[in-house]
Structure formats: C-alpha cells, structure tokens
Amino acid sequence: MDEYVSESTLIPEMPDLFERLELNVDYEITFKDKEALVGQLSLDVNEGRWEASIYSVKLGRRRTFQPDEVLSVTRLGVGLIWSSGEFL
C-alpha cells in the first residue's frame, strides 16, 4: 500500500482589516473605486493570500477584494468602524 504524504501549506497572517470583521453580520463596504455593497462576508486563502468576498443579495452578485481596495467599512446597526486605513 502506498503512503500518501500531503504537502504542508503555509497560511499567511490575516490582514488586520479582515481579522476584525465578523461572519454572519451585515456590512456596507465602500471601495476606493466608489462602489458600495451591502451584504455578508466570507474569508478565504487563495494562492497564498487572504481575500474577502461580500455578497449583495439586493444586486445578486459577489465581489472579492483585498484590504487595499477598501475605503470604509460600516457594520450595519453599529456604524462606521473603519475608514481610509484606520479603525475608528
């Protein structure tokens, strides 16, 4: 019987912005290109980089992004929590 040895995969450190976001919570994400989406987030590692996706039920589409694309984050029901690279 052959032994299967899996290769180890290094998971990079999660960016600060992503660490502070909660799953199953509605957010409004405003991007530097001025698009704003309201929805819930998912986080994943893709090709060695963390990425987040927001799914807008209203628009029926998903946008995947990196922290450097984000202008502001508003946790709905709480208010603005992150803007232009700083947590408020």
Protein backbone atom coordinates (compact mmCIF):
# COMPACT_ATOMS: atom_id res chain seq x y z
CA MET A 1 0.00 0.00 0.00
CA ASP A 2 1.39 3.41 -0.94
CA GLU A 3 1.62 6.09 1.67
CA TYR A 4 0.15 9.46 0.87
CA VAL A 5 2.09 12.42 2.18
CA SER A 6 0.41 15.75 1.78
CA GLU A 7 2.44 18.88 1.28
CA SER A 8 2.19 21.41 4.04
CA THR A 9 0.59 24.69 3.13
CA LEU A 10 1.57 27.86 4.88
CA ILE A 11 -1.33 30.12 5.71
CA PRO A 12 -0.24 33.75 5.77
CA GLU A 13 -1.07 36.10 8.61
CA MET A 14 -4.56 37.55 8.23
CA PRO A 15 -4.64 41.30 7.44
CA ASP A 16 -5.83 43.49 10.34
CA LEU A 17 -8.94 44.61 8.46
CA PHE A 18 -10.07 41.02 7.91
CA GLU A 19 -9.31 39.97 11.50
CA ARG A 20 -11.80 42.49 12.86
CA LEU A 21 -14.67 41.56 10.56
CA GLU A 22 -17.31 39.11 11.76
CA LEU A 23 -19.08 36.46 9.73
CA ASN A 24 -22.90 36.38 9.64
CA VAL A 25 -23.03 40.16 10.15
CA ASP A 26 -24.22 42.67 7.56
CA TYR A 27 -21.68 45.26 6.41
CA GLU A 28 -21.55 48.06 3.91
CA ILE A 29 -18.17 48.03 2.20
CA THR A 30 -17.26 51.15 0.24
CA PHE A 31 -14.42 50.61 -2.20
CA LYS A 32 -11.88 53.12 -3.47
CA ASP A 33 -13.48 52.88 -6.91
CA LYS A 34 -16.65 54.32 -5.23
CA GLU A 35 -18.70 51.11 -5.48
CA ALA A 36 -20.55 50.28 -2.25
CA LEU A 37 -22.04 46.88 -1.47
CA VAL A 38 -24.18 45.76 1.45
CA GLY A 39 -24.09 42.12 2.46
CA GLN A 40 -22.34 39.42 4.43
CA LEU A 41 -18.69 38.49 4.15
CA SER A 42 -16.72 35.33 3.62
CA LEU A 43 -12.96 34.96 4.09
CA ASP A 44 -10.61 32.56 2.33
CA VAL A 45 -6.97 31.98 1.40
CA ASN A 46 -6.43 31.86 -2.35
CA GLU A 47 -2.98 31.24 -3.85
CA GLY A 48 -1.29 32.16 -0.57
CA ARG A 49 -3.21 35.41 0.01
CA TRP A 50 -6.16 36.21 2.23
CA GLU A 51 -9.17 37.56 0.39
CA ALA A 52 -12.66 38.55 1.40
CA SER A 53 -15.88 38.43 -0.56
CA ILE A 54 -19.09 40.31 0.04
CA TYR A 55 -22.33 39.02 -1.42
CA SER A 56 -25.04 41.56 -2.15
CA VAL A 57 -28.46 39.91 -2.12
CA LYS A 58 -30.01 43.11 -3.50
CA LEU A 59 -27.72 43.13 -6.56
CA GLY A 60 -27.37 39.36 -6.77
CA ARG A 61 -23.60 39.45 -7.12
CA ARG A 62 -20.38 38.87 -5.22
CA ARG A 63 -17.20 40.96 -5.14
CA THR A 64 -13.89 39.55 -3.95
CA PHE A 65 -11.37 42.04 -2.61
CA GLN A 66 -8.13 42.77 -0.78
CA PRO A 67 -7.82 45.25 2.13
CA ASP A 68 -6.07 47.85 -0.03
CA GLU A 69 -9.20 48.18 -2.21
CA VAL A 70 -11.40 49.25 0.73
CA LEU A 71 -12.21 52.88 1.55
CA SER A 72 -14.54 52.25 4.50
CA VAL A 73 -16.43 49.54 6.38
CA THR A 74 -19.73 50.12 8.15
CA ARG A 75 -21.17 47.41 10.38
CA LEU A 76 -24.88 47.88 9.89
CA GLY A 77 -26.67 48.55 13.15
CA VAL A 78 -23.46 49.87 14.73
CA GLY A 79 -22.00 52.42 12.31
CA LEU A 80 -18.69 53.23 10.67
CA ILE A 81 -15.87 51.09 12.10
CA TRP A 82 -13.04 51.51 9.59
CA SER A 83 -12.11 54.32 7.21
CA SER A 84 -9.10 55.01 4.99
CA GLY A 85 -6.82 52.53 6.70
CA GLU A 86 -7.75 53.26 10.33
CA PHE A 87 -10.11 51.61 12.78
CA LEU A 88 -12.42 54.09 14.46
